[in-house]
PDB file of N, CA and C in Angstrom:
ATOM      1  N   MET A   1      63.078 141.616 172.929  1.00  0.00           N
ATOM      2  CA  MET A   1      64.416 142.121 172.802  1.00  0.00           C
ATOM      3  C   MET A   1      65.398 140.950 172.818  1.00  0.00           C
ATOM      4  N   SER A   2      66.365 140.957 171.936  1.00  0.00           N
ATOM      5  CA  SER A   2      67.315 139.851 171.879  1.00  0.00           C
ATOM      6  C   SER A   2      68.535 140.159 172.744  1.00  0.00           C
ATOM      7  N   ALA A   3      69.079 139.112 173.303  1.00  0.00           N
ATOM      8  CA  ALA A   3      70.260 139.265 174.148  1.00  0.00           C
ATOM      9  C   ALA A   3      71.498 139.440 173.264  1.00  0.00           C
ATOM     10  N   ALA A   4      72.336 140.370 173.607  1.00  0.00           N
ATOM     11  CA  ALA A   4      73.565 140.613 172.844  1.00  0.00           C
ATOM     12  C   ALA A   4      74.557 139.488 173.107  1.00  0.00           C
ATOM     13  N   VAL A   5      75.188 139.041 172.051  1.00  0.00           N
ATOM     14  CA  VAL A   5      76.196 137.987 172.174  1.00  0.00           C
ATOM     15  C   VAL A   5      77.546 138.669 172.381  1.00  0.00           C
ATOM     16  N   GLU A   6      78.170 138.335 173.501  1.00  0.00           N
ATOM     17  CA  GLU A   6      79.457 138.943 173.804  1.00  0.00           C
ATOM     18  C   GLU A   6      80.576 138.152 173.119  1.00  0.00           C
ATOM     19  N   LEU A   7      81.437 138.860 172.436  1.00  0.00           N
ATOM     20  CA  LEU A   7      82.563 138.220 171.759  1.00  0.00           C
ATOM     21  C   LEU A   7      83.642 137.866 172.768  1.00  0.00           C
ATOM     22  N   SER A   8      84.344 136.791 172.469  1.00  0.00           N
ATOM     23  CA  SER A   8      85.458 136.410 173.336  1.00  0.00           C
ATOM     24  C   SER A   8      86.610 137.388 173.132  1.00  0.00           C
ATOM     25  N   LEU A   9      87.546 137.396 174.043  1.00  0.00           N
ATOM     26  CA  LEU A   9      88.730 138.246 173.913  1.00  0.00           C
ATOM     27  C   LEU A   9      89.472 137.907 172.619  1.00  0.00           C
ATOM     28  N   TYR A  10      89.575 136.634 172.331  1.00  0.00           N
ATOM     29  CA  TYR A  10      90.216 136.166 171.095  1.00  0.00           C
ATOM     30  C   TYR A  10      89.561 136.822 169.876  1.00  0.00           C
ATOM     31  N   GLU A  11      88.248 136.823 169.842  1.00  0.00           N
ATOM     32  CA  GLU A  11      87.514 137.424 168.724  1.00  0.00           C
ATOM     33  C   GLU A  11      87.651 138.941 168.710  1.00  0.00           C
ATOM     34  N   ARG A  12      87.606 139.567 169.904  1.00  0.00           N
ATOM     35  CA  ARG A  12      87.733 141.027 169.982  1.00  0.00           C
ATOM     36  C   ARG A  12      89.099 141.503 169.519  1.00  0.00           C
ATOM     37  N   LEU A  13      90.133 140.677 169.747  1.00  0.00           N
ATOM     38  CA  LEU A  13      91.484 141.049 169.298  1.00  0.00           C
ATOM     39  C   LEU A  13      91.686 140.841 167.800  1.00  0.00           C
ATOM     40  N   GLY A  14      90.814 140.068 167.176  1.00  0.00           N
ATOM     41  CA  GLY A  14      90.905 139.885 165.735  1.00  0.00           C
ATOM     42  C   GLY A  14      91.224 138.478 165.288  1.00  0.00           C
ATOM     43  N   GLY A  15      91.258 137.531 166.214  1.00  0.00           N
ATOM     44  CA  GLY A  15      91.510 136.147 165.838  1.00  0.00           C
ATOM     45  C   GLY A  15      92.981 135.826 165.677  1.00  0.00           C
ATOM     46  N   ARG A  16      93.225 134.635 165.142  1.00  0.00           N
ATOM     47  CA  ARG A  16      94.578 134.084 165.078  1.00  0.00           C
ATOM     48  C   ARG A  16      95.572 134.985 164.341  1.00  0.00           C
ATOM     49  N   GLU A  17      95.174 135.462 163.168  1.00  0.00           N
ATOM     50  CA  GLU A  17      96.096 136.250 162.341  1.00  0.00           C
ATOM     51  C   GLU A  17      96.567 137.522 163.060  1.00  0.00           C
ATOM     52  N   ILE A  18      95.659 138.244 163.643  1.00  0.00           N
ATOM     53  CA  ILE A  18      96.007 139.502 164.323  1.00  0.00           C
ATOM     54  C   ILE A  18      96.791 139.216 165.602  1.00  0.00           C
ATOM     55  N   ILE A  19      96.397 138.195 166.353  1.00  0.00           N
ATOM     56  CA  ILE A  19      97.121 137.856 167.582  1.00  0.00           C
ATOM     57  C   ILE A  19      98.547 137.427 167.245  1.00  0.00           C
ATOM     58  N   HIS A  20      98.715 136.666 166.168  1.00  0.00           N
ATOM     59  CA  HIS A  20     100.060 136.270 165.731  1.00  0.00           C
ATOM     60  C   HIS A  20     100.896 137.506 165.413  1.00  0.00           C
ATOM     61  N   LYS A  21     100.301 138.464 164.701  1.00  0.00           N
ATOM     62  CA  LYS A  21     101.030 139.692 164.357  1.00  0.00           C
ATOM     63  C   LYS A  21     101.410 140.467 165.619  1.00  0.00           C
ATOM     64  N   ILE A  22     100.506 140.556 166.563  1.00  0.00           N
ATOM     65  CA  ILE A  22     100.786 141.275 167.817  1.00  0.00           C
ATOM     66  C   ILE A  22     101.935 140.608 168.561  1.00  0.00           C
ATOM     67  N   THR A  23     101.869 139.290 168.716  1.00  0.00           N
ATOM     68  CA  THR A  23     102.924 138.594 169.466  1.00  0.00           C
ATOM     69  C   THR A  23     104.260 138.672 168.731  1.00  0.00           C
ATOM     70  N   LYS A  24     104.228 138.622 167.415  1.00  0.00           N
ATOM     71  CA  LYS A  24     105.465 138.754 166.638  1.00  0.00           C
ATOM     72  C   LYS A  24     106.072 140.149 166.844  1.00  0.00           C
ATOM     73  N   ASP A  25     105.218 141.177 166.790  1.00  0.00           N
ATOM     74  CA  ASP A  25     105.702 142.545 167.002  1.00  0.00           C
ATOM     75  C   ASP A  25     106.292 142.715 168.404  1.00  0.00           C
ATOM     76  N   VAL A  26     105.631 142.153 169.412  1.00  0.00           N
ATOM     77  CA  VAL A  26     106.142 142.235 170.786  1.00  0.00           C
ATOM     78  C   VAL A  26     107.498 141.530 170.875  1.00  0.00           C
ATOM     79  N   TRP A  27     107.581 140.343 170.268  1.00  0.00           N
ATOM     80  CA  TRP A  27     108.840 139.578 170.276  1.00  0.00           C
ATOM     81  C   TRP A  27     109.966 140.394 169.624  1.00  0.00           C
ATOM     82  N   ILE A  28     109.698 140.957 168.463  1.00  0.00           N
ATOM     83  CA  ILE A  28     110.714 141.750 167.757  1.00  0.00           C
ATOM     84  C   ILE A  28     111.129 142.948 168.594  1.00  0.00           C
ATOM     85  N   ASN A  29     110.172 143.602 169.226  1.00  0.00           N
ATOM     86  CA  ASN A  29     110.499 144.737 170.087  1.00  0.00           C
ATOM     87  C   ASN A  29     111.387 144.317 171.256  1.00  0.00           C
ATOM     88  N   HIS A  30     111.108 143.170 171.845  1.00  0.00           N
ATOM     89  CA  HIS A  30     111.909 142.701 172.974  1.00  0.00           C
ATOM     90  C   HIS A  30     113.325 142.334 172.554  1.00  0.00           C
ATOM     91  N   ILE A  31     113.477 141.585 171.456  1.00  0.00           N
ATOM     92  CA  ILE A  31     114.832 141.181 171.066  1.00  0.00           C
ATOM     93  C   ILE A  31     115.627 142.331 170.465  1.00  0.00           C
ATOM     94  N   SER A  32     114.936 143.408 170.055  1.00  0.00           N
ATOM     95  CA  SER A  32     115.620 144.582 169.512  1.00  0.00           C
ATOM     96  C   SER A  32     115.984 145.598 170.591  1.00  0.00           C
ATOM     97  N   ASN A  33     115.430 145.437 171.778  1.00  0.00           N
ATOM     98  CA  ASN A  33     115.660 146.375 172.871  1.00  0.00           C
ATOM     99  C   ASN A  33     116.923 145.956 173.629  1.00  0.00           C
ATOM    100  N   PRO A  34     117.981 146.778 173.591  1.00  0.00           N
ATOM    101  CA  PRO A  34     119.229 146.387 174.252  1.00  0.00           C
ATOM    102  C   PRO A  34     119.102 146.186 175.764  1.00  0.00           C
ATOM    103  N   ASP A  35     118.081 146.775 176.374  1.00  0.00           N
ATOM    104  CA  ASP A  35     117.898 146.610 177.820  1.00  0.00           C
ATOM    105  C   ASP A  35     117.399 145.218 178.195  1.00  0.00           C
ATOM    106  N   VAL A  36     116.696 144.547 177.294  1.00  0.00           N
ATOM    107  CA  VAL A  36     116.140 143.230 177.619  1.00  0.00           C
ATOM    108  C   VAL A  36     116.543 142.125 176.648  1.00  0.00           C
ATOM    109  N   SER A  37     117.181 142.459 175.540  1.00  0.00           N
ATOM    110  CA  SER A  37     117.468 141.460 174.498  1.00  0.00           C
ATOM    111  C   SER A  37     118.362 140.325 174.988  1.00  0.00           C
ATOM    112  N   ALA A  38     119.236 140.597 175.959  1.00  0.00           N
ATOM    113  CA  ALA A  38     120.124 139.537 176.465  1.00  0.00           C
ATOM    114  C   ALA A  38     119.330 138.380 177.072  1.00  0.00           C
ATOM    115  N   ARG A  39     118.154 138.670 177.597  1.00  0.00           N
ATOM    116  CA  ARG A  39     117.311 137.613 178.188  1.00  0.00           C
ATOM    117  C   ARG A  39     116.852 136.599 177.143  1.00  0.00           C
ATOM    118  N   TYR A  40     116.822 137.027 175.883  1.00  0.00           N
ATOM    119  CA  TYR A  40     116.292 136.177 174.814  1.00  0.00           C
ATOM    120  C   TYR A  40     117.382 135.597 173.925  1.00  0.00           C
ATOM    121  N   ALA A  41     118.630 135.883 174.212  1.00  0.00           N
ATOM    122  CA  ALA A  41     119.740 135.495 173.340  1.00  0.00           C
ATOM    123  C   ALA A  41     119.818 133.992 173.111  1.00  0.00           C
ATOM    124  N   ASN A  42     119.550 133.190 174.106  1.00  0.00           N
ATOM    125  CA  ASN A  42     119.642 131.745 173.963  1.00  0.00           C
ATOM    126  C   ASN A  42     118.279 131.063 174.047  1.00  0.00           C
ATOM    127  N   SER A  43     117.239 131.809 173.748  1.00  0.00           N
ATOM    128  CA  SER A  43     115.892 131.241 173.847  1.00  0.00           C
ATOM    129  C   SER A  43     115.627 130.290 172.686  1.00  0.00           C
ATOM    130  N   ASP A  44     114.670 129.415 172.880  1.00  0.00           N
ATOM    131  CA  ASP A  44     114.294 128.491 171.819  1.00  0.00           C
ATOM    132  C   ASP A  44     113.830 129.247 170.581  1.00  0.00           C
ATOM    133  N   ALA A  45     113.083 130.326 170.771  1.00  0.00           N
ATOM    134  CA  ALA A  45     112.586 131.089 169.619  1.00  0.00           C
ATOM    135  C   ALA A  45     113.740 131.662 168.820  1.00  0.00           C
ATOM    136  N   GLU A  46     114.757 132.130 169.490  1.00  0.00           N
ATOM    137  CA  GLU A  46     115.937 132.671 168.796  1.00  0.00           C
ATOM    138  C   GLU A  46     116.668 131.546 168.057  1.00  0.00           C
ATOM    139  N   LYS A  47     116.785 130.403 168.686  1.00  0.00           N
ATOM    140  CA  LYS A  47     117.429 129.253 168.031  1.00  0.00           C
ATOM    141  C   LYS A  47     116.630 128.814 166.814  1.00  0.00           C
ATOM    142  N   ILE A  48     115.311 128.756 166.966  1.00  0.00           N
ATOM    143  CA  ILE A  48     114.453 128.352 165.858  1.00  0.00           C
ATOM    144  C   ILE A  48     114.609 129.322 164.687  1.00  0.00           C
ATOM    145  N   LYS A  49     114.717 130.605 164.993  1.00  0.00           N
ATOM    146  CA  LYS A  49     114.894 131.606 163.939  1.00  0.00           C
ATOM    147  C   LYS A  49     116.165 131.311 163.142  1.00  0.00           C
ATOM    148  N   HIS A  50     117.243 130.977 163.822  1.00  0.00           N
ATOM    149  CA  HIS A  50     118.503 130.681 163.138  1.00  0.00           C
ATOM    150  C   HIS A  50     118.416 129.363 162.366  1.00  0.00           C
ATOM    151  N   VAL A  51     117.777 128.377 162.942  1.00  0.00           N
ATOM    152  CA  VAL A  51     117.606 127.084 162.256  1.00  0.00           C
ATOM    153  C   VAL A  51     116.793 127.290 160.979  1.00  0.00           C
ATOM    154  N   GLN A  52     115.713 128.037 161.065  1.00  0.00           N
ATOM    155  CA  GLN A  52     114.866 128.255 159.895  1.00  0.00           C
ATOM    156  C   GLN A  52     115.598 129.057 158.814  1.00  0.00           C
ATOM    157  N   ALA A  53     116.425 130.005 159.230  1.00  0.00           N
ATOM    158  CA  ALA A  53     117.218 130.748 158.241  1.00  0.00           C
ATOM    159  C   ALA A  53     118.196 129.806 157.538  1.00  0.00           C
ATOM    160  N   GLY A  54     118.803 128.909 158.303  1.00  0.00           N
ATOM    161  CA  GLY A  54     119.714 127.933 157.717  1.00  0.00           C
ATOM    162  C   GLY A  54     119.002 126.996 156.764  1.00  0.00           C
ATOM    163  N   ILE A  55     117.834 126.529 157.151  1.00  0.00           N
ATOM    164  CA  ILE A  55     117.059 125.643 156.281  1.00  0.00           C
ATOM    165  C   ILE A  55     116.667 126.372 154.997  1.00  0.00           C
ATOM    166  N   GLY A  56     116.315 127.634 155.121  1.00  0.00           N
ATOM    167  CA  GLY A  56     115.971 128.416 153.925  1.00  0.00           C
ATOM    168  C   GLY A  56     117.134 128.506 152.947  1.00  0.00           C
ATOM    169  N   ALA A  57     118.327 128.753 153.471  1.00  0.00           N
ATOM    170  CA  ALA A  57     119.514 128.835 152.617  1.00  0.00           C
ATOM    171  C   ALA A  57     119.817 127.481 151.974  1.00  0.00           C
ATOM    172  N   ILE A  58     119.686 126.420 152.759  1.00  0.00           N
ATOM    173  CA  ILE A  58     119.952 125.076 152.239  1.00  0.00           C
ATOM    174  C   ILE A  58     118.918 124.693 151.185  1.00  0.00           C
ATOM    175  N   ASP A  59     117.661 125.063 151.407  1.00  0.00           N
ATOM    176  CA  ASP A  59     116.625 124.772 150.410  1.00  0.00           C
ATOM    177  C   ASP A  59     116.942 125.430 149.072  1.00  0.00           C
ATOM    178  N   LYS A  60     117.519 126.636 149.102  1.00  0.00           N
ATOM    179  CA  LYS A  60     117.930 127.300 147.857  1.00  0.00           C
ATOM    180  C   LYS A  60     119.004 126.480 147.155  1.00  0.00           C
ATOM    181  N   ALA A  61     119.976 125.990 147.925  1.00  0.00           N
ATOM    182  CA  ALA A  61     121.050 125.184 147.345  1.00  0.00           C
ATOM    183  C   ALA A  61     120.486 123.896 146.746  1.00  0.00           C
ATOM    184  N   ILE A  62     119.583 123.254 147.458  1.00  0.00           N
ATOM    185  CA  ILE A  62     118.985 122.003 146.969  1.00  0.00           C
ATOM    186  C   ILE A  62     118.143 122.258 145.725  1.00  0.00           C
ATOM    187  N   SER A  63     117.485 123.419 145.657  1.00  0.00           N
ATOM    188  CA  SER A  63     116.681 123.729 144.469  1.00  0.00           C
ATOM    189  C   SER A  63     117.563 123.900 143.235  1.00  0.00           C
ATOM    190  N   LEU A  64     118.809 124.288 143.426  1.00  0.00           N
ATOM    191  CA  LEU A  64     119.751 124.420 142.312  1.00  0.00           C
ATOM    192  C   LEU A  64     120.359 123.079 141.919  1.00  0.00           C
ATOM    193  N   ASN A  65     120.501 122.183 142.913  1.00  0.00           N
ATOM    194  CA  ASN A  65     121.102 120.875 142.658  1.00  0.00           C
ATOM    195  C   ASN A  65     120.547 119.883 143.673  1.00  0.00           C
ATOM    196  N   ASP A  66     119.565 119.097 143.242  1.00  0.00           N
ATOM    197  CA  ASP A  66     118.932 118.167 144.182  1.00  0.00           C
ATOM    198  C   ASP A  66     119.823 116.971 144.520  1.00  0.00           C
ATOM    199  N   GLN A  67     121.013 116.910 143.928  1.00  0.00           N
ATOM    200  CA  GLN A  67     121.978 115.857 144.245  1.00  0.00           C
ATOM    201  C   GLN A  67     123.113 116.391 145.130  1.00  0.00           C
ATOM    202  N   TYR A  68     122.936 117.572 145.687  1.00  0.00           N
ATOM    203  CA  TYR A  68     123.949 118.220 146.520  1.00  0.00           C
ATOM    204  C   TYR A  68     123.962 117.516 147.882  1.00  0.00           C
ATOM    205  N   MET A  69     124.795 116.504 147.985  1.00  0.00           N
ATOM    206  CA  MET A  69     124.812 115.628 149.158  1.00  0.00           C
ATOM    207  C   MET A  69     125.055 116.404 150.456  1.00  0.00           C
ATOM    208  N   GLU A  70     126.015 117.310 150.451  1.00  0.00           N
ATOM    209  CA  GLU A  70     126.346 118.041 151.676  1.00  0.00           C
ATOM    210  C   GLU A  70     125.166 118.879 152.163  1.00  0.00           C
ATOM    211  N   ALA A  71     124.433 119.478 151.225  1.00  0.00           N
ATOM    212  CA  ALA A  71     123.259 120.272 151.610  1.00  0.00           C
ATOM    213  C   ALA A  71     122.191 119.383 152.235  1.00  0.00           C
ATOM    214  N   LEU A  72     122.024 118.184 151.692  1.00  0.00           N
ATOM    215  CA  LEU A  72     121.050 117.247 152.266  1.00  0.00           C
ATOM    216  C   LEU A  72     121.449 116.855 153.687  1.00  0.00           C
ATOM    217  N   VAL A  73     122.748 116.640 153.891  1.00  0.00           N
ATOM    218  CA  VAL A  73     123.245 116.281 155.226  1.00  0.00           C
ATOM    219  C   VAL A  73     123.017 117.436 156.201  1.00  0.00           C
ATOM    220  N   TYR A  74     123.357 118.659 155.781  1.00  0.00           N
ATOM    221  CA  TYR A  74     123.185 119.808 156.675  1.00  0.00           C
ATOM    222  C   TYR A  74     121.715 120.043 157.004  1.00  0.00           C
ATOM    223  N   LYS A  75     120.834 119.882 155.995  1.00  0.00           N
ATOM    224  CA  LYS A  75     119.413 120.076 156.281  1.00  0.00           C
ATOM    225  C   LYS A  75     118.931 119.010 157.255  1.00  0.00           C
ATOM    226  N   ASN A  76     119.400 117.773 157.076  1.00  0.00           N
ATOM    227  CA  ASN A  76     119.085 116.698 158.014  1.00  0.00           C
ATOM    228  C   ASN A  76     119.449 117.114 159.436  1.00  0.00           C
ATOM    229  N   LEU A  77     120.641 117.656 159.616  1.00  0.00           N
ATOM    230  CA  LEU A  77     121.093 118.061 160.953  1.00  0.00           C
ATOM    231  C   LEU A  77     120.250 119.205 161.518  1.00  0.00           C
ATOM    232  N   LEU A  78     119.949 120.194 160.672  1.00  0.00           N
ATOM    233  CA  LEU A  78     119.142 121.321 161.147  1.00  0.00           C
ATOM    234  C   LEU A  78     117.716 120.889 161.493  1.00  0.00           C
ATOM    235  N   LEU A  79     117.167 119.951 160.729  1.00  0.00           N
ATOM    236  CA  LEU A  79     115.828 119.450 161.059  1.00  0.00           C
ATOM    237  C   LEU A  79     115.834 118.727 162.397  1.00  0.00           C
ATOM    238  N   ARG A  80     116.922 118.046 162.709  1.00  0.00           N
ATOM    239  CA  ARG A  80     117.029 117.358 164.004  1.00  0.00           C
ATOM    240  C   ARG A  80     117.134 118.380 165.148  1.00  0.00           C
ATOM    241  N   VAL A  81     117.848 119.477 164.911  1.00  0.00           N
ATOM    242  CA  VAL A  81     117.911 120.552 165.915  1.00  0.00           C
ATOM    243  C   VAL A  81     116.516 121.139 166.105  1.00  0.00           C
ATOM    244  N   GLN A  82     115.824 121.389 164.991  1.00  0.00           N
ATOM    245  CA  GLN A  82     114.475 121.934 165.076  1.00  0.00           C
ATOM    246  C   GLN A  82     113.546 120.974 165.814  1.00  0.00           C
ATOM    247  N   ALA A  83     113.688 119.685 165.574  1.00  0.00           N
ATOM    248  CA  ALA A  83     112.859 118.692 166.266  1.00  0.00           C
ATOM    249  C   ALA A  83     113.112 118.732 167.772  1.00  0.00           C
ATOM    250  N   ASN A  84     114.365 118.937 168.161  1.00  0.00           N
ATOM    251  CA  ASN A  84     114.680 119.037 169.593  1.00  0.00           C
ATOM    252  C   ASN A  84     114.035 120.257 170.241  1.00  0.00           C
ATOM    253  N   LEU A  85     113.817 121.304 169.460  1.00  0.00           N
ATOM    254  CA  LEU A  85     113.211 122.521 169.984  1.00  0.00           C
ATOM    255  C   LEU A  85     111.681 122.490 169.909  1.00  0.00           C
ATOM    256  N   GLU A  86     111.161 121.562 169.135  1.00  0.00           N
ATOM    257  CA  GLU A  86     109.716 121.463 168.909  1.00  0.00           C
ATOM    258  C   GLU A  86     109.014 120.895 170.145  1.00  0.00           C
ATOM    259  N   ARG A  87     107.899 121.498 170.509  1.00  0.00           N
ATOM    260  CA  ARG A  87     107.141 121.040 171.677  1.00  0.00           C
ATOM    261  C   ARG A  87     105.996 120.111 171.305  1.00  0.00           C
ATOM    262  N   ASN A  88     105.577 120.157 170.047  1.00  0.00           N
ATOM    263  CA  ASN A  88     104.475 119.320 169.584  1.00  0.00           C
ATOM    264  C   ASN A  88     105.046 117.964 169.164  1.00  0.00           C
ATOM    265  N   PRO A  89     104.681 116.877 169.871  1.00  0.00           N
ATOM    266  CA  PRO A  89     105.252 115.564 169.567  1.00  0.00           C
ATOM    267  C   PRO A  89     105.023 115.095 168.129  1.00  0.00           C
ATOM    268  N   ALA A  90     103.848 115.364 167.578  1.00  0.00           N
ATOM    269  CA  ALA A  90     103.564 114.945 166.201  1.00  0.00           C
ATOM    270  C   ALA A  90     104.454 115.693 165.216  1.00  0.00           C
ATOM    271  N   ARG A  91     104.602 116.986 165.418  1.00  0.00           N
ATOM    272  CA  ARG A  91     105.473 117.800 164.545  1.00  0.00           C
ATOM    273  C   ARG A  91     106.927 117.360 164.711  1.00  0.00           C
ATOM    274  N   GLN A  92     107.311 117.059 165.932  1.00  0.00           N
ATOM    275  CA  GLN A  92     108.668 116.592 166.207  1.00  0.00           C
ATOM    276  C   GLN A  92     108.955 115.309 165.427  1.00  0.00           C
ATOM    277  N   GLN A  93     108.035 114.365 165.458  1.00  0.00           N
ATOM    278  CA  GLN A  93     108.210 113.106 164.728  1.00  0.00           C
ATOM    279  C   GLN A  93     108.261 113.333 163.225  1.00  0.00           C
ATOM    280  N   ALA A  94     107.445 114.254 162.720  1.00  0.00           N
ATOM    281  CA  ALA A  94     107.457 114.564 161.291  1.00  0.00           C
ATOM    282  C   ALA A  94     108.814 115.141 160.875  1.00  0.00           C
ATOM    283  N   LEU A  95     109.369 116.008 161.699  1.00  0.00           N
ATOM    284  CA  LEU A  95     110.693 116.586 161.406  1.00  0.00           C
ATOM    285  C   LEU A  95     111.770 115.508 161.412  1.00  0.00           C
ATOM    286  N   LEU A  96     111.679 114.584 162.367  1.00  0.00           N
ATOM    287  CA  LEU A  96     112.666 113.503 162.441  1.00  0.00           C
ATOM    288  C   LEU A  96     112.549 112.554 161.245  1.00  0.00           C
ATOM    289  N   ARG A  97     111.317 112.298 160.799  1.00  0.00           N
ATOM    290  CA  ARG A  97     111.131 111.451 159.609  1.00  0.00           C
ATOM    291  C   ARG A  97     111.742 112.124 158.376  1.00  0.00           C
ATOM    292  N   GLU A  98     111.473 113.416 158.228  1.00  0.00           N
ATOM    293  CA  GLU A  98     112.036 114.151 157.089  1.00  0.00           C
ATOM    294  C   GLU A  98     113.561 114.147 157.143  1.00  0.00           C
ATOM    295  N   ALA A  99     114.116 114.333 158.342  1.00  0.00           N
ATOM    296  CA  ALA A  99     115.577 114.321 158.507  1.00  0.00           C
ATOM    297  C   ALA A  99     116.147 112.970 158.114  1.00  0.00           C
ATOM    298  N   THR A 100     115.497 111.901 158.521  1.00  0.00           N
ATOM    299  CA  THR A 100     115.967 110.549 158.192  1.00  0.00           C
ATOM    300  C   THR A 100     115.898 110.309 156.687  1.00  0.00           C
ATOM    301  N   GLU A 101     114.819 110.762 156.047  1.00  0.00           N
ATOM    302  CA  GLU A 101     114.702 110.613 154.589  1.00  0.00           C
ATOM    303  C   GLU A 101     115.838 111.343 153.884  1.00  0.00           C
ATOM    304  N   LEU A 102     116.164 112.550 154.342  1.00  0.00           N
ATOM    305  CA  LEU A 102     117.261 113.307 153.733  1.00  0.00           C
ATOM    306  C   LEU A 102     118.601 112.621 153.956  1.00  0.00           C
ATOM    307  N   SER A 103     118.796 112.085 155.140  1.00  0.00           N
ATOM    308  CA  SER A 103     120.027 111.368 155.446  1.00  0.00           C
ATOM    309  C   SER A 103     120.173 110.143 154.539  1.00  0.00           C
ATOM    310  N   ASN A 104     119.091 109.407 154.366  1.00  0.00           N
ATOM    311  CA  ASN A 104     119.112 108.232 153.492  1.00  0.00           C
ATOM    312  C   ASN A 104     119.397 108.635 152.042  1.00  0.00           C
ATOM    313  N   ARG A 105     118.777 109.714 151.605  1.00  0.00           N
ATOM    314  CA  ARG A 105     119.002 110.199 150.237  1.00  0.00           C
ATOM    315  C   ARG A 105     120.448 110.621 150.041  1.00  0.00           C
ATOM    316  N   ALA A 106     121.009 111.315 151.015  1.00  0.00           N
ATOM    317  CA  ALA A 106     122.414 111.733 150.938  1.00  0.00           C
ATOM    318  C   ALA A 106     123.332 110.519 150.882  1.00  0.00           C
ATOM    319  N   GLU A 107     123.015 109.497 151.655  1.00  0.00           N
ATOM    320  CA  GLU A 107     123.832 108.277 151.661  1.00  0.00           C
ATOM    321  C   GLU A 107     123.762 107.573 150.304  1.00  0.00           C
ATOM    322  N   GLU A 108     122.590 107.541 149.682  1.00  0.00           N
ATOM    323  CA  GLU A 108     122.457 106.952 148.342  1.00  0.00           C
ATOM    324  C   GLU A 108     123.318 107.706 147.331  1.00  0.00           C
ATOM    325  N   ILE A 109     123.300 109.020 147.401  1.00  0.00           N
ATOM    326  CA  ILE A 109     124.106 109.842 146.491  1.00  0.00           C
ATOM    327  C   ILE A 109     125.585 109.578 146.722  1.00  0.00           C
ATOM    328  N   ARG A 110     125.981 109.474 147.988  1.00  0.00           N
ATOM    329  CA  ARG A 110     127.389 109.200 148.310  1.00  0.00           C
ATOM    330  C   ARG A 110     127.819 107.851 147.748  1.00  0.00           C
ATOM    331  N   LYS A 111     126.969 106.845 147.909  1.00  0.00           N
ATOM    332  CA  LYS A 111     127.297 105.501 147.408  1.00  0.00           C
ATOM    333  C   LYS A 111     127.411 105.489 145.889  1.00  0.00           C
ATOM    334  N   LYS A 112     126.495 106.173 145.205  1.00  0.00           N
ATOM    335  CA  LYS A 112     126.554 106.241 143.740  1.00  0.00           C
ATOM    336  C   LYS A 112     127.830 106.943 143.286  1.00  0.00           C
ATOM    337  N   ALA A 113     128.193 108.018 143.984  1.00  0.00           N
ATOM    338  CA  ALA A 113     129.413 108.742 143.628  1.00  0.00           C
ATOM    339  C   ALA A 113     130.638 107.865 143.865  1.00  0.00           C
ATOM    340  N   ALA A 114     130.644 107.123 144.964  1.00  0.00           N
ATOM    341  CA  ALA A 114     131.775 106.237 145.269  1.00  0.00           C
ATOM    342  C   ALA A 114     131.865 105.120 144.248  1.00  0.00           C
ATOM    343  N   ALA A 115     130.721 104.548 143.856  1.00  0.00           N
ATOM    344  CA  ALA A 115     130.707 103.483 142.855  1.00  0.00           C
ATOM    345  C   ALA A 115     131.171 104.017 141.498  1.00  0.00           C
ATOM    346  N   GLY A 116     130.749 105.234 141.181  1.00  0.00           N
ATOM    347  CA  GLY A 116     131.183 105.846 139.916  1.00  0.00           C
ATOM    348  C   GLY A 116     132.679 106.120 139.916  1.00  0.00           C
ATOM    349  N   ALA A 117     133.201 106.570 141.038  1.00  0.00           N
ATOM    350  CA  ALA A 117     134.635 106.835 141.163  1.00  0.00           C
ATOM    351  C   ALA A 117     135.425 105.540 141.091  1.00  0.00           C
ATOM    352  N   ALA A 118     134.925 104.491 141.706  1.00  0.00           N
ATOM    353  CA  ALA A 118     135.604 103.196 141.680  1.00  0.00           C
ATOM    354  C   ALA A 118     135.597 102.615 140.268  1.00  0.00           C
ATOM    355  N   GLY A 119     134.526 102.854 139.522  1.00  0.00           N
ATOM    356  CA  GLY A 119     134.423 102.331 138.165  1.00  0.00           C
ATOM    357  C   GLY A 119     135.335 103.039 137.178  1.00  0.00           C
ATOM    358  N   THR A 120     135.658 104.297 137.460  1.00  0.00           N
ATOM    359  CA  THR A 120     136.517 105.038 136.545  1.00  0.00           C
ATOM    360  C   THR A 120     137.966 105.064 136.984  1.00  0.00           C
ATOM    361  N   SER A 121     138.268 104.647 138.196  1.00  0.00           N
ATOM    362  CA  SER A 121     139.651 104.731 138.692  1.00  0.00           C
ATOM    363  C   SER A 121     140.573 103.704 138.025  1.00  0.00           C
ATOM    364  N   GLY A 122     140.023 102.626 137.537  1.00  0.00           N
ATOM    365  CA  GLY A 122     140.858 101.601 136.926  1.00  0.00           C
ATOM    366  C   GLY A 122     141.037 101.792 135.442  1.00  0.00           C
ATOM    367  N   ARG A 123     140.392 102.799 134.844  1.00  0.00           N
ATOM    368  CA  ARG A 123     140.480 103.043 133.407  1.00  0.00           C
ATOM    369  C   ARG A 123     141.778 103.709 133.026  1.00  0.00           C
ATOM    370  N   SER A 124     142.265 103.366 131.880  1.00  0.00           N
ATOM    371  CA  SER A 124     143.415 104.092 131.350  1.00  0.00           C
ATOM    372  C   SER A 124     142.993 104.695 130.030  1.00  0.00           C
ATOM    373  N   ASP A 125     143.308 105.960 129.844  1.00  0.00           N
ATOM    374  CA  ASP A 125     142.907 106.665 128.621  1.00  0.00           C
ATOM    375  C   ASP A 125     144.051 106.918 127.704  1.00  0.00           C
TER     376      ASP A 125
END
């Protein structure tokens, strides 16, 4: 007779995908419940949700115009906020690197625009 292999709780619940769905549903229920939602109003998860929504909107703007300097600056700032909320040091560093790259790109665009404006300001038509 073979011994039965007992599944772990993680496996019995359905693994990562199902556990993620369960925790997401619990989170949504808590923040939607007026009796307890105030406890979560300033939580990191709530802040991250707003940061990610902002990044999503900015990504749409950048997809329409990859030279949109202000959008690059705002995304840089939101990535830095997200990095401050991030608990994983490697992910935090990756977010900061991306933010710095966007900041540098925005600065290049600003300089090109300033040089272009300076080159045309002395012209007479």
